[in-house]
Amino acid sequence: MKKNIVIPFFFSVLAVSLLLNCGKKEEKVEETAATQASAVDAKELYVTCASCHGDTGEGNGAAAANLNPKPRNFKAPETEWKNGKTVAGITKTLKEGIAPGMAKYDYMKDEEIAALANYVIELGSK
């Protein structure tokens, strides 16, 4: 009779511990990316972007007048963003570029790209 109770109890404890530990891996990854991003000065990196996207991210930098298509306004709605207005989408844009106008920044380190992506989101929310 004790075997009938022990086996289901064991599997119940195992299932609960697996469920509770699933989310921890993702949280650690996000914390690591945020920690790396905070170590990089995103405003300093953004100087390169500002010539097209403007100091406030509204797509009105000094070079914007001569560009077609016009640079992305970071305050634009999500639906207007080709790769999405998320860290993942902005990271993809920075790494791969968007033809014909957005250059790729694949020479940047991952932590620099993460910092820049977060800064773009921050500019878009102001």
N, C-alpha and C. Protein backbone atom coordinates (compact mmCIF):
# COMPACT_ATOMS: atom_id res chain seq x y z
N MET A 1 0.81 -1.20 0.00
CA MET A 1 0.00 0.00 0.00
C MET A 1 0.85 1.26 0.00
N LYS A 2 1.99 1.24 0.71
CA LYS A 2 2.86 2.41 0.78
C LYS A 2 3.46 2.72 -0.58
N LYS A 3 3.73 1.71 -1.41
CA LYS A 3 4.28 1.92 -2.75
C LYS A 3 3.30 2.73 -3.60
N ASN A 4 2.03 2.49 -3.45
CA ASN A 4 1.01 3.20 -4.22
C ASN A 4 0.97 4.68 -3.88
N ILE A 5 1.37 5.05 -2.70
CA ILE A 5 1.37 6.45 -2.29
C ILE A 5 2.69 7.12 -2.63
N VAL A 6 3.78 6.42 -2.46
CA VAL A 6 5.11 6.98 -2.66
C VAL A 6 5.37 7.34 -4.11
N ILE A 7 5.03 6.49 -5.03
CA ILE A 7 5.32 6.73 -6.45
C ILE A 7 4.58 7.95 -6.99
N PRO A 8 3.27 8.09 -6.79
CA PRO A 8 2.60 9.32 -7.26
C PRO A 8 3.13 10.58 -6.57
N PHE A 9 3.46 10.46 -5.28
CA PHE A 9 4.01 11.60 -4.55
C PHE A 9 5.34 12.03 -5.15
N PHE A 10 6.20 11.07 -5.45
CA PHE A 10 7.51 11.35 -6.06
C PHE A 10 7.34 12.07 -7.39
N PHE A 11 6.47 11.57 -8.26
CA PHE A 11 6.27 12.19 -9.56
C PHE A 11 5.62 13.57 -9.45
N SER A 12 4.79 13.76 -8.46
CA SER A 12 4.18 15.07 -8.23
C SER A 12 5.24 16.10 -7.84
N VAL A 13 6.13 15.71 -6.93
CA VAL A 13 7.21 16.60 -6.51
C VAL A 13 8.14 16.90 -7.68
N LEU A 14 8.46 15.89 -8.46
CA LEU A 14 9.31 16.06 -9.63
C LEU A 14 8.68 17.03 -10.64
N ALA A 15 7.39 16.84 -10.92
CA ALA A 15 6.70 17.71 -11.88
C ALA A 15 6.66 19.16 -11.40
N VAL A 16 6.38 19.37 -10.13
CA VAL A 16 6.33 20.72 -9.59
C VAL A 16 7.70 21.38 -9.65
N SER A 17 8.75 20.64 -9.30
CA SER A 17 10.10 21.25 -9.33
C SER A 17 10.52 21.57 -10.76
N LEU A 18 10.15 20.75 -11.73
CA LEU A 18 10.46 21.05 -13.13
C LEU A 18 9.73 22.30 -13.60
N LEU A 19 8.48 22.42 -13.25
CA LEU A 19 7.70 23.59 -13.65
C LEU A 19 8.24 24.88 -13.02
N LEU A 20 8.63 24.80 -11.78
CA LEU A 20 9.14 25.99 -11.10
C LEU A 20 10.50 26.42 -11.64
N ASN A 21 11.29 25.51 -12.14
CA ASN A 21 12.63 25.84 -12.63
C ASN A 21 12.66 26.25 -14.09
N CYS A 22 11.59 26.05 -14.82
CA CYS A 22 11.58 26.39 -16.25
C CYS A 22 11.81 27.87 -16.49
N GLY A 23 11.16 28.73 -15.76
CA GLY A 23 11.27 30.17 -15.97
C GLY A 23 12.57 30.77 -15.51
N LYS A 24 13.29 30.12 -14.66
CA LYS A 24 14.51 30.70 -14.10
C LYS A 24 15.59 30.88 -15.16
N LYS A 25 15.67 29.99 -16.12
CA LYS A 25 16.70 30.10 -17.15
C LYS A 25 16.50 31.37 -17.98
N GLU A 26 15.28 31.67 -18.36
CA GLU A 26 15.00 32.86 -19.15
C GLU A 26 15.30 34.12 -18.35
N GLU A 27 14.95 34.13 -17.07
CA GLU A 27 15.22 35.29 -16.24
C GLU A 27 16.71 35.56 -16.16
N LYS A 28 17.52 34.50 -16.04
CA LYS A 28 18.97 34.67 -15.96
C LYS A 28 19.51 35.23 -17.25
N VAL A 29 18.99 34.78 -18.39
CA VAL A 29 19.44 35.30 -19.68
C VAL A 29 19.11 36.78 -19.80
N GLU A 30 17.89 37.16 -19.42
CA GLU A 30 17.49 38.57 -19.49
C GLU A 30 18.34 39.42 -18.54
N GLU A 31 18.62 38.90 -17.34
CA GLU A 31 19.45 39.65 -16.40
C GLU A 31 20.85 39.84 -16.95
N THR A 32 21.39 38.81 -17.58
CA THR A 32 22.74 38.89 -18.14
C THR A 32 22.78 39.93 -19.25
N ALA A 33 21.80 39.92 -20.16
CA ALA A 33 21.78 40.91 -21.24
C ALA A 33 21.62 42.31 -20.68
N ALA A 34 20.77 42.47 -19.67
CA ALA A 34 20.56 43.80 -19.07
C ALA A 34 21.83 44.27 -18.37
N THR A 35 22.52 43.36 -17.70
CA THR A 35 23.75 43.72 -17.02
C THR A 35 24.81 44.14 -18.02
N GLN A 36 24.95 43.38 -19.10
CA GLN A 36 25.92 43.73 -20.13
C GLN A 36 25.57 45.06 -20.78
N ALA A 37 24.29 45.25 -21.05
CA ALA A 37 23.85 46.48 -21.70
C ALA A 37 24.11 47.69 -20.82
N SER A 38 23.94 47.53 -19.52
CA SER A 38 24.14 48.67 -18.63
C SER A 38 25.61 49.07 -18.52
N ALA A 39 26.51 48.12 -18.81
CA ALA A 39 27.94 48.42 -18.74
C ALA A 39 28.42 49.24 -19.94
N VAL A 40 27.60 49.32 -20.96
CA VAL A 40 27.94 50.04 -22.18
C VAL A 40 27.19 51.36 -22.19
N ASP A 41 27.83 52.43 -22.62
CA ASP A 41 27.19 53.73 -22.68
C ASP A 41 26.42 53.85 -24.00
N ALA A 42 25.12 53.59 -23.94
CA ALA A 42 24.28 53.59 -25.14
C ALA A 42 24.20 54.98 -25.77
N LYS A 43 24.19 56.02 -24.97
CA LYS A 43 24.12 57.38 -25.52
C LYS A 43 25.35 57.67 -26.37
N GLU A 44 26.49 57.18 -25.93
CA GLU A 44 27.72 57.38 -26.69
C GLU A 44 27.66 56.62 -28.03
N LEU A 45 27.12 55.43 -28.00
CA LEU A 45 26.96 54.64 -29.23
C LEU A 45 25.96 55.29 -30.18
N TYR A 46 24.92 55.90 -29.61
CA TYR A 46 23.84 56.47 -30.41
C TYR A 46 24.27 57.66 -31.25
N VAL A 47 25.40 58.25 -30.95
CA VAL A 47 25.89 59.41 -31.72
C VAL A 47 25.92 59.08 -33.21
N THR A 48 26.33 57.87 -33.55
CA THR A 48 26.36 57.43 -34.95
C THR A 48 24.95 57.40 -35.54
N CYS A 49 23.99 56.98 -34.77
CA CYS A 49 22.61 56.85 -35.23
C CYS A 49 21.92 58.21 -35.39
N ALA A 50 22.32 59.16 -34.53
CA ALA A 50 21.65 60.46 -34.48
C ALA A 50 21.76 61.24 -35.78
N SER A 51 22.79 60.99 -36.56
CA SER A 51 22.91 61.74 -37.81
C SER A 51 21.73 61.48 -38.74
N CYS A 52 21.14 60.31 -38.65
CA CYS A 52 19.95 60.00 -39.46
C CYS A 52 18.67 60.07 -38.64
N HIS A 53 18.68 59.44 -37.46
CA HIS A 53 17.46 59.32 -36.65
C HIS A 53 17.20 60.52 -35.76
N GLY A 54 18.16 61.43 -35.62
CA GLY A 54 17.98 62.62 -34.80
C GLY A 54 18.29 62.36 -33.34
N ASP A 55 18.57 63.42 -32.62
CA ASP A 55 18.93 63.30 -31.20
C ASP A 55 17.83 62.68 -30.35
N THR A 56 16.59 62.91 -30.73
CA THR A 56 15.46 62.38 -29.95
C THR A 56 14.81 61.17 -30.61
N GLY A 57 15.39 60.68 -31.72
CA GLY A 57 14.88 59.48 -32.37
C GLY A 57 13.64 59.67 -33.22
N GLU A 58 13.43 60.89 -33.69
CA GLU A 58 12.23 61.17 -34.47
C GLU A 58 12.46 61.10 -35.98
N GLY A 59 13.62 60.57 -36.39
CA GLY A 59 13.91 60.42 -37.82
C GLY A 59 14.25 61.73 -38.50
N ASN A 60 14.70 62.71 -37.74
CA ASN A 60 14.94 64.05 -38.28
C ASN A 60 16.39 64.51 -38.11
N GLY A 61 17.34 63.57 -38.21
CA GLY A 61 18.74 63.93 -38.10
C GLY A 61 19.19 64.77 -39.29
N ALA A 62 20.40 65.30 -39.21
CA ALA A 62 20.94 66.17 -40.26
C ALA A 62 20.96 65.49 -41.62
N ALA A 63 21.22 64.21 -41.67
CA ALA A 63 21.29 63.49 -42.95
C ALA A 63 19.92 63.06 -43.46
N ALA A 64 18.89 63.13 -42.64
CA ALA A 64 17.57 62.60 -42.98
C ALA A 64 16.94 63.28 -44.20
N ALA A 65 17.19 64.55 -44.38
CA ALA A 65 16.56 65.28 -45.49
C ALA A 65 16.94 64.70 -46.85
N ASN A 66 18.12 64.13 -46.96
CA ASN A 66 18.60 63.60 -48.23
C ASN A 66 18.40 62.10 -48.39
N LEU A 67 17.71 61.48 -47.46
CA LEU A 67 17.54 60.02 -47.51
C LEU A 67 16.15 59.63 -47.99
N ASN A 68 16.12 58.56 -48.78
CA ASN A 68 14.87 57.98 -49.24
C ASN A 68 15.06 56.47 -49.26
N PRO A 69 14.41 55.73 -48.39
CA PRO A 69 13.35 56.14 -47.48
C PRO A 69 13.88 56.92 -46.29
N LYS A 70 12.98 57.64 -45.66
CA LYS A 70 13.33 58.44 -44.49
C LYS A 70 13.68 57.51 -43.32
N PRO A 71 14.56 57.94 -42.44
CA PRO A 71 14.91 57.13 -41.27
C PRO A 71 13.71 56.88 -40.37
N ARG A 72 13.74 55.76 -39.68
CA ARG A 72 12.68 55.38 -38.75
C ARG A 72 12.52 56.42 -37.65
N ASN A 73 11.29 56.79 -37.40
CA ASN A 73 10.93 57.59 -36.23
C ASN A 73 10.65 56.58 -35.12
N PHE A 74 11.44 56.59 -34.07
CA PHE A 74 11.31 55.60 -33.01
C PHE A 74 10.01 55.73 -32.23
N LYS A 75 9.31 56.83 -32.41
CA LYS A 75 8.03 57.03 -31.74
C LYS A 75 6.87 56.48 -32.56
N ALA A 76 7.18 55.96 -33.76
CA ALA A 76 6.15 55.41 -34.65
C ALA A 76 5.52 54.16 -34.02
N PRO A 77 4.27 53.87 -34.38
CA PRO A 77 3.60 52.68 -33.83
C PRO A 77 4.31 51.39 -34.25
N GLU A 78 4.13 50.37 -33.46
CA GLU A 78 4.72 49.04 -33.69
C GLU A 78 4.48 48.54 -35.12
N THR A 79 3.31 48.80 -35.66
CA THR A 79 2.96 48.29 -36.99
C THR A 79 3.85 48.83 -38.11
N GLU A 80 4.51 49.95 -37.87
CA GLU A 80 5.38 50.55 -38.89
C GLU A 80 6.82 50.03 -38.84
N TRP A 81 7.13 49.21 -37.86
CA TRP A 81 8.49 48.69 -37.69
C TRP A 81 8.62 47.36 -38.42
N LYS A 82 9.55 47.26 -39.34
CA LYS A 82 9.71 46.04 -40.13
C LYS A 82 10.01 44.82 -39.27
N ASN A 83 10.95 44.94 -38.35
CA ASN A 83 11.34 43.80 -37.51
C ASN A 83 10.76 43.87 -36.10
N GLY A 84 9.90 44.83 -35.85
CA GLY A 84 9.26 44.95 -34.55
C GLY A 84 9.94 45.95 -33.64
N LYS A 85 9.15 46.53 -32.79
CA LYS A 85 9.63 47.54 -31.84
C LYS A 85 9.94 46.86 -30.50
N THR A 86 10.81 45.85 -30.59
CA THR A 86 11.23 45.07 -29.43
C THR A 86 12.75 44.99 -29.44
N VAL A 87 13.34 44.57 -28.33
CA VAL A 87 14.78 44.42 -28.28
C VAL A 87 15.23 43.42 -29.35
N ALA A 88 14.50 42.32 -29.49
CA ALA A 88 14.84 41.31 -30.49
C ALA A 88 14.75 41.86 -31.91
N GLY A 89 13.68 42.60 -32.19
CA GLY A 89 13.50 43.17 -33.53
C GLY A 89 14.55 44.22 -33.85
N ILE A 90 14.85 45.07 -32.91
CA ILE A 90 15.85 46.12 -33.12
C ILE A 90 17.24 45.51 -33.24
N THR A 91 17.50 44.47 -32.45
CA THR A 91 18.77 43.75 -32.55
C THR A 91 18.94 43.16 -33.95
N LYS A 92 17.88 42.56 -34.47
CA LYS A 92 17.92 42.00 -35.83
C LYS A 92 18.22 43.10 -36.85
N THR A 93 17.57 44.23 -36.71
CA THR A 93 17.80 45.35 -37.62
C THR A 93 19.25 45.83 -37.54
N LEU A 94 19.77 45.96 -36.34
CA LEU A 94 21.14 46.44 -36.18
C LEU A 94 22.15 45.44 -36.75
N LYS A 95 21.91 44.16 -36.56
CA LYS A 95 22.85 43.15 -37.04
C LYS A 95 22.77 42.92 -38.54
N GLU A 96 21.56 43.00 -39.10
CA GLU A 96 21.37 42.67 -40.52
C GLU A 96 21.13 43.87 -41.41
N GLY A 97 20.70 44.99 -40.83
CA GLY A 97 20.34 46.15 -41.64
C GLY A 97 19.00 45.93 -42.31
N ILE A 98 18.51 46.96 -42.99
CA ILE A 98 17.29 46.87 -43.79
C ILE A 98 17.57 47.62 -45.09
N ALA A 99 17.56 46.89 -46.20
CA ALA A 99 17.80 47.53 -47.50
C ALA A 99 16.58 48.36 -47.87
N PRO A 100 16.74 49.49 -48.48
CA PRO A 100 17.97 50.04 -48.99
C PRO A 100 18.65 51.04 -48.07
N GLY A 101 18.02 51.44 -46.96
CA GLY A 101 18.56 52.58 -46.22
C GLY A 101 19.30 52.31 -44.93
N MET A 102 18.89 51.30 -44.18
CA MET A 102 19.48 51.09 -42.85
C MET A 102 20.71 50.19 -42.96
N ALA A 103 21.85 50.75 -42.60
CA ALA A 103 23.10 49.99 -42.64
C ALA A 103 23.10 48.94 -41.53
N LYS A 104 23.88 47.89 -41.71
CA LYS A 104 24.02 46.90 -40.64
C LYS A 104 25.23 47.25 -39.78
N TYR A 105 25.10 46.96 -38.51
CA TYR A 105 26.15 47.26 -37.54
C TYR A 105 26.67 45.95 -36.95
N ASP A 106 26.97 45.01 -37.82
CA ASP A 106 27.42 43.69 -37.39
C ASP A 106 28.82 43.69 -36.78
N TYR A 107 29.50 44.81 -36.87
CA TYR A 107 30.82 44.92 -36.27
C TYR A 107 30.75 45.21 -34.77
N MET A 108 29.56 45.60 -34.28
CA MET A 108 29.40 45.91 -32.86
C MET A 108 29.34 44.64 -32.04
N LYS A 109 29.77 44.74 -30.80
CA LYS A 109 29.68 43.63 -29.86
C LYS A 109 28.23 43.44 -29.46
N ASP A 110 27.88 42.22 -29.05
CA ASP A 110 26.51 41.92 -28.65
C ASP A 110 26.02 42.83 -27.53
N GLU A 111 26.89 43.12 -26.56
CA GLU A 111 26.46 43.99 -25.45
C GLU A 111 26.24 45.42 -25.91
N GLU A 112 26.96 45.87 -26.93
CA GLU A 112 26.73 47.21 -27.48
C GLU A 112 25.41 47.26 -28.23
N ILE A 113 25.13 46.21 -28.99
CA ILE A 113 23.86 46.15 -29.72
C ILE A 113 22.69 46.08 -28.74
N ALA A 114 22.84 45.30 -27.68
CA ALA A 114 21.77 45.21 -26.67
C ALA A 114 21.53 46.57 -26.01
N ALA A 115 22.60 47.26 -25.69
CA ALA A 115 22.46 48.59 -25.07
C ALA A 115 21.79 49.56 -26.03
N LEU A 116 22.20 49.53 -27.27
CA LEU A 116 21.63 50.42 -28.28
C LEU A 116 20.15 50.10 -28.52
N ALA A 117 19.80 48.84 -28.59
CA ALA A 117 18.40 48.44 -28.78
C ALA A 117 17.54 48.94 -27.63
N ASN A 118 18.02 48.79 -26.42
CA ASN A 118 17.27 49.29 -25.26
C ASN A 118 17.15 50.81 -25.29
N TYR A 119 18.18 51.48 -25.73
CA TYR A 119 18.15 52.95 -25.81
C TYR A 119 17.15 53.42 -26.87
N VAL A 120 17.09 52.71 -27.98
CA VAL A 120 16.12 53.05 -29.04
C VAL A 120 14.70 52.92 -28.50
N ILE A 121 14.45 51.87 -27.75
CA ILE A 121 13.12 51.69 -27.13
C ILE A 121 12.85 52.82 -26.15
N GLU A 122 13.85 53.19 -25.38
CA GLU A 122 13.70 54.28 -24.43
C GLU A 122 13.37 55.59 -25.15
N LEU A 123 14.08 55.88 -26.24
CA LEU A 123 13.80 57.10 -27.02
C LEU A 123 12.38 57.07 -27.58
N GLY A 124 11.95 55.91 -28.02
CA GLY A 124 10.63 55.78 -28.61
C GLY A 124 9.49 55.94 -27.61
N SER A 125 9.81 55.77 -26.35
CA SER A 125 8.76 55.88 -25.33
C SER A 125 8.67 57.28 -24.72
N LYS A 126 9.59 58.16 -25.10
CA LYS A 126 9.57 59.53 -24.53
C LYS A 126 8.63 60.44 -25.28
